[in-house]
Amino acid sequence: ILCDILDLSKIESGTVEPSTVPTDLEALALEALRPLTARIQSKELELVFEFDPELSPGYLADDVRLRQILTNLVGNAIKFTERGCVAVGLRRLSDLGGVHEIELAVQDTGVGIPTDRLQAIFTPFTQADSTITRRFAGTGLGLSITDRLVRLMGGRIAVESTLGVG
């Protein structure tokens, strides 16, 4: 919890500066997923990873922050999924003027989020509802940090969910 609070504080104070290095996105994703496989296996979930072959190594990205984003998103998907699967996909959407738009998507077959609470999950210390907090624990900081990191890196984050579907 302390690390999350410190991360959020640094981001909000403007002291986090994204850095860009040539990054192999497939290798980064596989490296970020590796520590999560024990949790996946212990819950008997399936992990699906789809990587667009048009994404070549060497994209300029903040590999540390991107790994943190992926870990937070997949970690949440695992936490709120009791059966079924968690799917991670990386694909190139467009190339405009030398800027590559890449989508990182995480899907799960978890508990889902009520429509009226979708945006609340990005608010610090907030979860979809109080029963979620009691049932699954957590601080409600992971997605808030993720949202801020994505925006800091010039991206955008969105959520789609159906209650009871994922």
N, C-alpha and C. Protein backbone atom coordinates (compact mmCIF):
# COMPACT_ATOMS: atom_id res chain seq x y z
N ILE A 1 0.84 -1.19 0.00
CA ILE A 1 0.00 0.00 0.00
C ILE A 1 0.88 1.25 0.00
N LEU A 2 1.94 1.22 0.79
CA LEU A 2 2.82 2.38 0.88
C LEU A 2 3.45 2.72 -0.47
N CYS A 3 3.89 1.70 -1.21
CA CYS A 3 4.47 1.94 -2.53
C CYS A 3 3.46 2.58 -3.47
N ASP A 4 2.20 2.10 -3.42
CA ASP A 4 1.16 2.68 -4.26
C ASP A 4 0.91 4.14 -3.91
N ILE A 5 0.85 4.45 -2.62
CA ILE A 5 0.62 5.83 -2.18
C ILE A 5 1.78 6.72 -2.63
N LEU A 6 3.00 6.22 -2.50
CA LEU A 6 4.16 6.99 -2.94
C LEU A 6 4.15 7.20 -4.45
N ASP A 7 3.80 6.15 -5.21
CA ASP A 7 3.70 6.29 -6.67
C ASP A 7 2.67 7.35 -7.04
N LEU A 8 1.50 7.27 -6.45
CA LEU A 8 0.45 8.23 -6.75
C LEU A 8 0.88 9.65 -6.38
N SER A 9 1.52 9.80 -5.25
CA SER A 9 1.99 11.10 -4.80
C SER A 9 3.02 11.68 -5.78
N LYS A 10 3.96 10.85 -6.22
CA LYS A 10 4.98 11.31 -7.19
C LYS A 10 4.35 11.71 -8.51
N ILE A 11 3.39 10.93 -8.97
CA ILE A 11 2.73 11.24 -10.24
C ILE A 11 1.98 12.56 -10.12
N GLU A 12 1.21 12.70 -9.05
CA GLU A 12 0.41 13.92 -8.87
C GLU A 12 1.25 15.16 -8.65
N SER A 13 2.44 15.00 -8.08
CA SER A 13 3.31 16.17 -7.86
C SER A 13 4.11 16.53 -9.10
N GLY A 14 4.02 15.71 -10.14
CA GLY A 14 4.73 16.01 -11.38
C GLY A 14 6.19 15.61 -11.38
N THR A 15 6.60 14.80 -10.43
CA THR A 15 8.01 14.41 -10.37
C THR A 15 8.31 13.13 -11.16
N VAL A 16 7.30 12.53 -11.75
CA VAL A 16 7.52 11.35 -12.58
C VAL A 16 7.67 11.80 -14.02
N GLU A 17 8.82 11.56 -14.58
CA GLU A 17 9.09 11.92 -15.97
C GLU A 17 9.20 10.64 -16.79
N PRO A 18 8.34 10.48 -17.80
CA PRO A 18 8.47 9.28 -18.63
C PRO A 18 9.79 9.30 -19.39
N SER A 19 10.41 8.15 -19.50
CA SER A 19 11.63 8.04 -20.30
C SER A 19 11.36 7.05 -21.41
N THR A 20 11.98 7.24 -22.52
CA THR A 20 11.74 6.33 -23.64
C THR A 20 13.03 5.64 -24.04
N VAL A 21 12.91 4.36 -24.21
CA VAL A 21 14.02 3.53 -24.67
C VAL A 21 13.47 2.57 -25.72
N PRO A 22 14.29 2.09 -26.64
CA PRO A 22 13.81 1.08 -27.58
C PRO A 22 13.34 -0.15 -26.80
N THR A 23 12.12 -0.58 -27.09
CA THR A 23 11.48 -1.63 -26.29
C THR A 23 10.91 -2.72 -27.19
N ASP A 24 11.18 -3.94 -26.85
CA ASP A 24 10.55 -5.10 -27.50
C ASP A 24 9.27 -5.36 -26.72
N LEU A 25 8.14 -4.96 -27.28
CA LEU A 25 6.87 -5.02 -26.57
C LEU A 25 6.46 -6.44 -26.22
N GLU A 26 6.72 -7.38 -27.10
CA GLU A 26 6.36 -8.77 -26.82
C GLU A 26 7.16 -9.30 -25.64
N ALA A 27 8.47 -9.06 -25.66
CA ALA A 27 9.32 -9.52 -24.55
C ALA A 27 8.92 -8.84 -23.25
N LEU A 28 8.62 -7.54 -23.31
CA LEU A 28 8.20 -6.82 -22.11
C LEU A 28 6.92 -7.42 -21.54
N ALA A 29 5.94 -7.69 -22.41
CA ALA A 29 4.67 -8.25 -21.94
C ALA A 29 4.87 -9.63 -21.32
N LEU A 30 5.65 -10.47 -21.98
CA LEU A 30 5.88 -11.81 -21.44
C LEU A 30 6.62 -11.74 -20.10
N GLU A 31 7.56 -10.82 -19.99
CA GLU A 31 8.30 -10.63 -18.73
C GLU A 31 7.37 -10.13 -17.62
N ALA A 32 6.45 -9.23 -17.95
CA ALA A 32 5.51 -8.71 -16.96
C ALA A 32 4.51 -9.77 -16.53
N LEU A 33 4.13 -10.65 -17.44
CA LEU A 33 3.15 -11.70 -17.13
C LEU A 33 3.74 -12.85 -16.33
N ARG A 34 5.01 -13.10 -16.49
CA ARG A 34 5.65 -14.26 -15.84
C ARG A 34 5.39 -14.33 -14.33
N PRO A 35 5.60 -13.25 -13.57
CA PRO A 35 5.35 -13.34 -12.12
C PRO A 35 3.88 -13.56 -11.75
N LEU A 36 2.98 -13.32 -12.69
CA LEU A 36 1.55 -13.46 -12.41
C LEU A 36 1.03 -14.86 -12.70
N THR A 37 1.85 -15.69 -13.33
CA THR A 37 1.38 -17.02 -13.73
C THR A 37 1.05 -17.90 -12.54
N ALA A 38 1.73 -17.76 -11.42
CA ALA A 38 1.42 -18.58 -10.24
C ALA A 38 0.00 -18.27 -9.76
N ARG A 39 -0.37 -16.99 -9.77
CA ARG A 39 -1.74 -16.62 -9.36
C ARG A 39 -2.77 -17.17 -10.35
N ILE A 40 -2.44 -17.10 -11.62
CA ILE A 40 -3.33 -17.64 -12.68
C ILE A 40 -3.54 -19.14 -12.45
N GLN A 41 -2.44 -19.84 -12.23
CA GLN A 41 -2.51 -21.30 -12.05
C GLN A 41 -3.23 -21.67 -10.77
N SER A 42 -3.00 -20.93 -9.70
CA SER A 42 -3.64 -21.27 -8.42
C SER A 42 -5.16 -21.11 -8.49
N LYS A 43 -5.63 -20.23 -9.37
CA LYS A 43 -7.07 -20.04 -9.54
C LYS A 43 -7.62 -20.88 -10.69
N GLU A 44 -6.74 -21.65 -11.31
CA GLU A 44 -7.09 -22.51 -12.45
C GLU A 44 -7.74 -21.72 -13.58
N LEU A 45 -7.17 -20.55 -13.85
CA LEU A 45 -7.62 -19.71 -14.95
C LEU A 45 -6.76 -19.98 -16.18
N GLU A 46 -7.29 -19.63 -17.32
CA GLU A 46 -6.52 -19.72 -18.55
C GLU A 46 -5.97 -18.32 -18.86
N LEU A 47 -4.73 -18.26 -19.27
CA LEU A 47 -4.13 -16.99 -19.69
C LEU A 47 -3.93 -17.05 -21.20
N VAL A 48 -4.50 -16.10 -21.89
CA VAL A 48 -4.38 -16.02 -23.34
C VAL A 48 -3.58 -14.76 -23.66
N PHE A 49 -2.55 -14.90 -24.50
CA PHE A 49 -1.74 -13.75 -24.91
C PHE A 49 -1.71 -13.70 -26.42
N GLU A 50 -2.18 -12.59 -26.97
CA GLU A 50 -2.18 -12.39 -28.42
C GLU A 50 -1.31 -11.19 -28.75
N PHE A 51 -0.35 -11.42 -29.64
CA PHE A 51 0.60 -10.38 -30.01
C PHE A 51 0.55 -10.16 -31.51
N ASP A 52 0.35 -8.94 -31.93
CA ASP A 52 0.30 -8.57 -33.34
C ASP A 52 1.69 -8.73 -33.95
N PRO A 53 1.84 -9.58 -34.95
CA PRO A 53 3.16 -9.78 -35.56
C PRO A 53 3.70 -8.53 -36.27
N GLU A 54 2.85 -7.54 -36.51
CA GLU A 54 3.30 -6.30 -37.13
C GLU A 54 4.03 -5.38 -36.14
N LEU A 55 4.01 -5.73 -34.86
CA LEU A 55 4.73 -4.95 -33.85
C LEU A 55 6.16 -5.47 -33.78
N SER A 56 7.04 -4.72 -34.35
CA SER A 56 8.44 -5.15 -34.35
C SER A 56 9.15 -4.65 -33.09
N PRO A 57 10.26 -5.28 -32.74
CA PRO A 57 11.04 -4.77 -31.59
C PRO A 57 11.55 -3.36 -31.88
N GLY A 58 11.75 -2.59 -30.84
CA GLY A 58 12.38 -1.29 -31.01
C GLY A 58 11.47 -0.09 -30.90
N TYR A 59 10.21 -0.26 -30.51
CA TYR A 59 9.37 0.91 -30.28
C TYR A 59 9.92 1.69 -29.11
N LEU A 60 9.86 3.01 -29.20
CA LEU A 60 10.30 3.85 -28.09
C LEU A 60 9.17 3.93 -27.07
N ALA A 61 9.46 3.49 -25.86
CA ALA A 61 8.45 3.48 -24.80
C ALA A 61 9.13 3.54 -23.45
N ASP A 62 8.38 3.93 -22.45
CA ASP A 62 8.87 3.88 -21.07
C ASP A 62 8.61 2.46 -20.59
N ASP A 63 9.61 1.62 -20.72
CA ASP A 63 9.42 0.20 -20.43
C ASP A 63 9.06 -0.07 -18.96
N VAL A 64 9.60 0.72 -18.05
CA VAL A 64 9.30 0.52 -16.62
C VAL A 64 7.83 0.82 -16.35
N ARG A 65 7.35 1.94 -16.85
CA ARG A 65 5.96 2.33 -16.61
C ARG A 65 4.99 1.41 -17.36
N LEU A 66 5.36 1.02 -18.57
CA LEU A 66 4.51 0.12 -19.34
C LEU A 66 4.37 -1.23 -18.64
N ARG A 67 5.45 -1.72 -18.06
CA ARG A 67 5.41 -2.97 -17.30
C ARG A 67 4.49 -2.82 -16.08
N GLN A 68 4.58 -1.66 -15.41
CA GLN A 68 3.73 -1.40 -14.25
C GLN A 68 2.25 -1.35 -14.65
N ILE A 69 1.96 -0.72 -15.77
CA ILE A 69 0.58 -0.64 -16.27
C ILE A 69 0.05 -2.04 -16.56
N LEU A 70 0.82 -2.82 -17.28
CA LEU A 70 0.39 -4.17 -17.63
C LEU A 70 0.20 -5.04 -16.39
N THR A 71 1.12 -4.93 -15.45
CA THR A 71 1.01 -5.70 -14.20
C THR A 71 -0.23 -5.31 -13.41
N ASN A 72 -0.52 -4.01 -13.32
CA ASN A 72 -1.71 -3.55 -12.60
C ASN A 72 -2.99 -4.06 -13.28
N LEU A 73 -3.07 -3.93 -14.60
CA LEU A 73 -4.29 -4.33 -15.31
C LEU A 73 -4.52 -5.84 -15.22
N VAL A 74 -3.48 -6.61 -15.46
CA VAL A 74 -3.63 -8.07 -15.43
C VAL A 74 -3.83 -8.54 -13.99
N GLY A 75 -3.13 -7.92 -13.04
CA GLY A 75 -3.32 -8.27 -11.64
C GLY A 75 -4.76 -8.07 -11.20
N ASN A 76 -5.39 -6.97 -11.63
CA ASN A 76 -6.80 -6.73 -11.31
C ASN A 76 -7.69 -7.77 -11.98
N ALA A 77 -7.39 -8.07 -13.23
CA ALA A 77 -8.20 -9.07 -13.94
C ALA A 77 -8.15 -10.41 -13.22
N ILE A 78 -6.98 -10.79 -12.76
CA ILE A 78 -6.84 -12.06 -12.02
C ILE A 78 -7.61 -11.99 -10.71
N LYS A 79 -7.44 -10.89 -9.99
CA LYS A 79 -8.09 -10.74 -8.68
C LYS A 79 -9.60 -10.91 -8.78
N PHE A 80 -10.22 -10.32 -9.81
CA PHE A 80 -11.67 -10.30 -9.91
C PHE A 80 -12.24 -11.40 -10.79
N THR A 81 -11.42 -12.37 -11.18
CA THR A 81 -11.87 -13.49 -12.00
C THR A 81 -11.74 -14.78 -11.20
N GLU A 82 -12.85 -15.45 -11.02
CA GLU A 82 -12.84 -16.69 -10.24
C GLU A 82 -12.79 -17.93 -11.12
N ARG A 83 -13.25 -17.81 -12.36
CA ARG A 83 -13.15 -18.93 -13.30
C ARG A 83 -13.14 -18.36 -14.71
N GLY A 84 -12.60 -19.15 -15.63
CA GLY A 84 -12.56 -18.71 -17.02
C GLY A 84 -11.16 -18.29 -17.42
N CYS A 85 -11.04 -17.07 -17.96
CA CYS A 85 -9.75 -16.68 -18.49
C CYS A 85 -9.48 -15.19 -18.35
N VAL A 86 -8.21 -14.89 -18.52
CA VAL A 86 -7.73 -13.52 -18.63
C VAL A 86 -6.98 -13.47 -19.96
N ALA A 87 -7.33 -12.52 -20.80
CA ALA A 87 -6.71 -12.39 -22.11
C ALA A 87 -6.00 -11.05 -22.21
N VAL A 88 -4.80 -11.08 -22.75
CA VAL A 88 -3.99 -9.89 -22.96
C VAL A 88 -3.68 -9.80 -24.45
N GLY A 89 -3.91 -8.64 -25.02
CA GLY A 89 -3.62 -8.45 -26.43
C GLY A 89 -2.85 -7.16 -26.67
N LEU A 90 -1.88 -7.23 -27.56
CA LEU A 90 -1.13 -6.06 -28.00
C LEU A 90 -1.24 -6.00 -29.52
N ARG A 91 -1.71 -4.86 -30.03
CA ARG A 91 -1.81 -4.74 -31.48
C ARG A 91 -1.59 -3.31 -31.93
N ARG A 92 -1.09 -3.19 -33.14
CA ARG A 92 -0.88 -1.88 -33.74
C ARG A 92 -2.19 -1.42 -34.35
N LEU A 93 -2.60 -0.22 -33.98
CA LEU A 93 -3.83 0.35 -34.53
C LEU A 93 -3.55 1.20 -35.75
N SER A 94 -2.52 2.08 -35.66
CA SER A 94 -2.24 2.98 -36.77
C SER A 94 -0.82 3.52 -36.67
N ASP A 95 -0.37 4.04 -37.77
CA ASP A 95 0.91 4.76 -37.85
C ASP A 95 0.63 6.08 -38.54
N LEU A 96 0.65 7.16 -37.77
CA LEU A 96 0.38 8.48 -38.33
C LEU A 96 1.56 9.40 -38.09
N GLY A 97 2.20 9.83 -39.13
CA GLY A 97 3.30 10.78 -39.01
C GLY A 97 4.42 10.31 -38.09
N GLY A 98 4.73 9.04 -38.14
CA GLY A 98 5.79 8.50 -37.30
C GLY A 98 5.37 8.17 -35.88
N VAL A 99 4.10 8.44 -35.55
CA VAL A 99 3.58 8.09 -34.23
C VAL A 99 2.78 6.81 -34.37
N HIS A 100 3.14 5.84 -33.58
CA HIS A 100 2.48 4.53 -33.65
C HIS A 100 1.46 4.42 -32.52
N GLU A 101 0.24 4.16 -32.90
CA GLU A 101 -0.81 3.95 -31.91
C GLU A 101 -0.94 2.45 -31.67
N ILE A 102 -0.70 2.06 -30.42
CA ILE A 102 -0.70 0.65 -30.06
C ILE A 102 -1.73 0.44 -28.96
N GLU A 103 -2.50 -0.62 -29.10
CA GLU A 103 -3.52 -0.94 -28.11
C GLU A 103 -3.05 -2.10 -27.24
N LEU A 104 -3.17 -1.89 -25.94
CA LEU A 104 -2.97 -2.95 -24.95
C LEU A 104 -4.35 -3.21 -24.37
N ALA A 105 -4.87 -4.41 -24.56
CA ALA A 105 -6.21 -4.74 -24.07
C ALA A 105 -6.13 -5.91 -23.11
N VAL A 106 -6.86 -5.80 -22.02
CA VAL A 106 -6.95 -6.88 -21.04
C VAL A 106 -8.42 -7.19 -20.87
N GLN A 107 -8.78 -8.45 -21.07
CA GLN A 107 -10.16 -8.91 -20.90
C GLN A 107 -10.18 -10.02 -19.87
N ASP A 108 -11.31 -10.13 -19.18
CA ASP A 108 -11.44 -11.22 -18.23
C ASP A 108 -12.88 -11.70 -18.19
N THR A 109 -13.08 -12.81 -17.52
CA THR A 109 -14.42 -13.36 -17.33
C THR A 109 -14.81 -13.22 -15.86
N GLY A 110 -14.45 -12.08 -15.29
CA GLY A 110 -14.64 -11.84 -13.87
C GLY A 110 -16.01 -11.33 -13.49
N VAL A 111 -16.07 -10.68 -12.34
CA VAL A 111 -17.34 -10.26 -11.76
C VAL A 111 -18.00 -9.12 -12.51
N GLY A 112 -17.23 -8.35 -13.26
CA GLY A 112 -17.78 -7.22 -13.99
C GLY A 112 -18.03 -6.02 -13.09
N ILE A 113 -18.39 -4.92 -13.72
CA ILE A 113 -18.59 -3.65 -13.02
C ILE A 113 -19.93 -3.07 -13.46
N PRO A 114 -20.73 -2.60 -12.51
CA PRO A 114 -21.98 -1.94 -12.90
C PRO A 114 -21.70 -0.71 -13.77
N THR A 115 -22.53 -0.49 -14.75
CA THR A 115 -22.33 0.61 -15.70
C THR A 115 -22.14 1.95 -15.01
N ASP A 116 -22.91 2.21 -13.96
CA ASP A 116 -22.83 3.51 -13.30
C ASP A 116 -21.56 3.67 -12.45
N ARG A 117 -20.75 2.63 -12.33
CA ARG A 117 -19.52 2.70 -11.53
C ARG A 117 -18.25 2.57 -12.37
N LEU A 118 -18.39 2.53 -13.69
CA LEU A 118 -17.23 2.30 -14.55
C LEU A 118 -16.12 3.33 -14.34
N GLN A 119 -16.44 4.59 -14.33
CA GLN A 119 -15.40 5.62 -14.21
C GLN A 119 -14.87 5.74 -12.79
N ALA A 120 -15.63 5.31 -11.80
CA ALA A 120 -15.20 5.41 -10.40
C ALA A 120 -13.96 4.57 -10.12
N ILE A 121 -13.74 3.53 -10.92
CA ILE A 121 -12.60 2.65 -10.64
C ILE A 121 -11.25 3.35 -10.85
N PHE A 122 -11.25 4.50 -11.50
CA PHE A 122 -10.01 5.25 -11.70
C PHE A 122 -9.78 6.31 -10.62
N THR A 123 -10.70 6.42 -9.67
CA THR A 123 -10.59 7.37 -8.58
C THR A 123 -9.81 6.73 -7.43
N PRO A 124 -8.81 7.44 -6.87
CA PRO A 124 -8.02 6.85 -5.78
C PRO A 124 -8.88 6.39 -4.61
N PHE A 125 -8.52 5.26 -4.05
CA PHE A 125 -9.16 4.66 -2.88
C PHE A 125 -10.63 4.30 -3.12
N THR A 126 -11.00 4.08 -4.38
CA THR A 126 -12.37 3.76 -4.73
C THR A 126 -12.40 2.44 -5.48
N GLN A 127 -13.39 1.63 -5.18
CA GLN A 127 -13.63 0.41 -5.95
C GLN A 127 -15.06 0.45 -6.46
N ALA A 128 -15.41 -0.52 -7.27
CA ALA A 128 -16.73 -0.50 -7.92
C ALA A 128 -17.86 -0.39 -6.90
N ASP A 129 -17.79 -1.13 -5.80
CA ASP A 129 -18.76 -0.99 -4.72
C ASP A 129 -18.18 -1.61 -3.45
N SER A 130 -18.83 -1.35 -2.33
CA SER A 130 -18.28 -1.78 -1.04
C SER A 130 -18.24 -3.29 -0.89
N THR A 131 -19.13 -4.02 -1.56
CA THR A 131 -19.08 -5.48 -1.45
C THR A 131 -17.83 -6.02 -2.13
N ILE A 132 -17.37 -5.34 -3.16
CA ILE A 132 -16.13 -5.74 -3.83
C ILE A 132 -14.96 -5.60 -2.87
N THR A 133 -14.91 -4.48 -2.16
CA THR A 133 -13.83 -4.24 -1.20
C THR A 133 -13.78 -5.33 -0.15
N ARG A 134 -14.93 -5.69 0.40
CA ARG A 134 -14.98 -6.73 1.43
C ARG A 134 -14.61 -8.10 0.86
N ARG A 135 -15.05 -8.38 -0.34
CA ARG A 135 -14.86 -9.71 -0.93
C ARG A 135 -13.45 -9.92 -1.48
N PHE A 136 -12.89 -8.89 -2.13
CA PHE A 136 -11.62 -9.06 -2.81
C PHE A 136 -10.47 -8.27 -2.20
N ALA A 137 -10.73 -7.42 -1.23
CA ALA A 137 -9.72 -6.57 -0.59
C ALA A 137 -9.12 -5.60 -1.61
N GLY A 138 -8.05 -4.95 -1.24
CA GLY A 138 -7.40 -3.98 -2.12
C GLY A 138 -7.64 -2.56 -1.64
N THR A 139 -6.82 -1.65 -2.18
CA THR A 139 -6.89 -0.25 -1.75
C THR A 139 -7.62 0.64 -2.72
N GLY A 140 -7.81 0.19 -3.95
CA GLY A 140 -8.41 1.06 -4.95
C GLY A 140 -7.42 2.05 -5.52
N LEU A 141 -6.13 1.74 -5.44
CA LEU A 141 -5.11 2.63 -5.99
C LEU A 141 -4.54 2.16 -7.33
N GLY A 142 -4.55 0.87 -7.59
CA GLY A 142 -3.89 0.33 -8.79
C GLY A 142 -4.38 0.94 -10.08
N LEU A 143 -5.69 1.01 -10.27
CA LEU A 143 -6.21 1.57 -11.52
C LEU A 143 -6.08 3.08 -11.58
N SER A 144 -6.10 3.74 -10.44
CA SER A 144 -5.87 5.18 -10.41
C SER A 144 -4.44 5.49 -10.87
N ILE A 145 -3.49 4.73 -10.36
CA ILE A 145 -2.09 4.89 -10.77
C ILE A 145 -1.95 4.57 -12.25
N THR A 146 -2.58 3.49 -12.67
CA THR A 146 -2.51 3.09 -14.08
C THR A 146 -3.06 4.18 -14.99
N ASP A 147 -4.20 4.73 -14.64
CA ASP A 147 -4.81 5.81 -15.42
C ASP A 147 -3.85 6.99 -15.56
N ARG A 148 -3.25 7.39 -14.47
CA ARG A 148 -2.34 8.53 -14.49
C ARG A 148 -1.08 8.24 -15.29
N LEU A 149 -0.55 7.03 -15.17
CA LEU A 149 0.64 6.66 -15.95
C LEU A 149 0.34 6.63 -17.44
N VAL A 150 -0.80 6.08 -17.81
CA VAL A 150 -1.19 6.04 -19.22
C VAL A 150 -1.27 7.45 -19.78
N ARG A 151 -1.94 8.34 -19.06
CA ARG A 151 -2.06 9.73 -19.52
C ARG A 151 -0.71 10.44 -19.56
N LEU A 152 0.14 10.17 -18.57
CA LEU A 152 1.47 10.75 -18.52
C LEU A 152 2.29 10.37 -19.76
N MET A 153 2.04 9.17 -20.26
CA MET A 153 2.77 8.68 -21.44
C MET A 153 2.07 9.06 -22.74
N GLY A 154 1.02 9.88 -22.66
CA GLY A 154 0.34 10.36 -23.87
C GLY A 154 -0.73 9.41 -24.38
N GLY A 155 -1.13 8.45 -23.58
CA GLY A 155 -2.14 7.49 -24.00
C GLY A 155 -3.48 7.79 -23.38
N ARG A 156 -4.38 6.88 -23.56
CA ARG A 156 -5.71 6.98 -22.96
C ARG A 156 -6.13 5.58 -22.51
N ILE A 157 -6.95 5.55 -21.49
CA ILE A 157 -7.42 4.28 -20.94
C ILE A 157 -8.94 4.30 -20.93
N ALA A 158 -9.53 3.16 -21.20
CA ALA A 158 -10.98 3.04 -21.21
C ALA A 158 -11.36 1.70 -20.60
N VAL A 159 -12.59 1.63 -20.14
CA VAL A 159 -13.09 0.38 -19.55
C VAL A 159 -14.47 0.10 -20.13
N GLU A 160 -14.69 -1.16 -20.45
CA GLU A 160 -16.01 -1.65 -20.84
C GLU A 160 -16.26 -2.87 -19.97
N SER A 161 -17.46 -2.99 -19.44
CA SER A 161 -17.73 -4.13 -18.57
C SER A 161 -19.22 -4.39 -18.51
N THR A 162 -19.54 -5.63 -18.25
CA THR A 162 -20.90 -6.05 -17.99
C THR A 162 -20.91 -6.80 -16.68
N LEU A 163 -21.76 -6.40 -15.79
CA LEU A 163 -21.84 -7.02 -14.48
C LEU A 163 -22.09 -8.52 -14.65
N GLY A 164 -21.26 -9.32 -13.99
CA GLY A 164 -21.40 -10.77 -14.06
C GLY A 164 -20.74 -11.41 -15.27
N VAL A 165 -20.20 -10.60 -16.17
CA VAL A 165 -19.59 -11.14 -17.40
C VAL A 165 -18.09 -10.86 -17.44
N GLY A 166 -17.67 -9.72 -16.94
CA GLY A 166 -16.25 -9.37 -16.95
C GLY A 166 -16.01 -8.07 -17.66
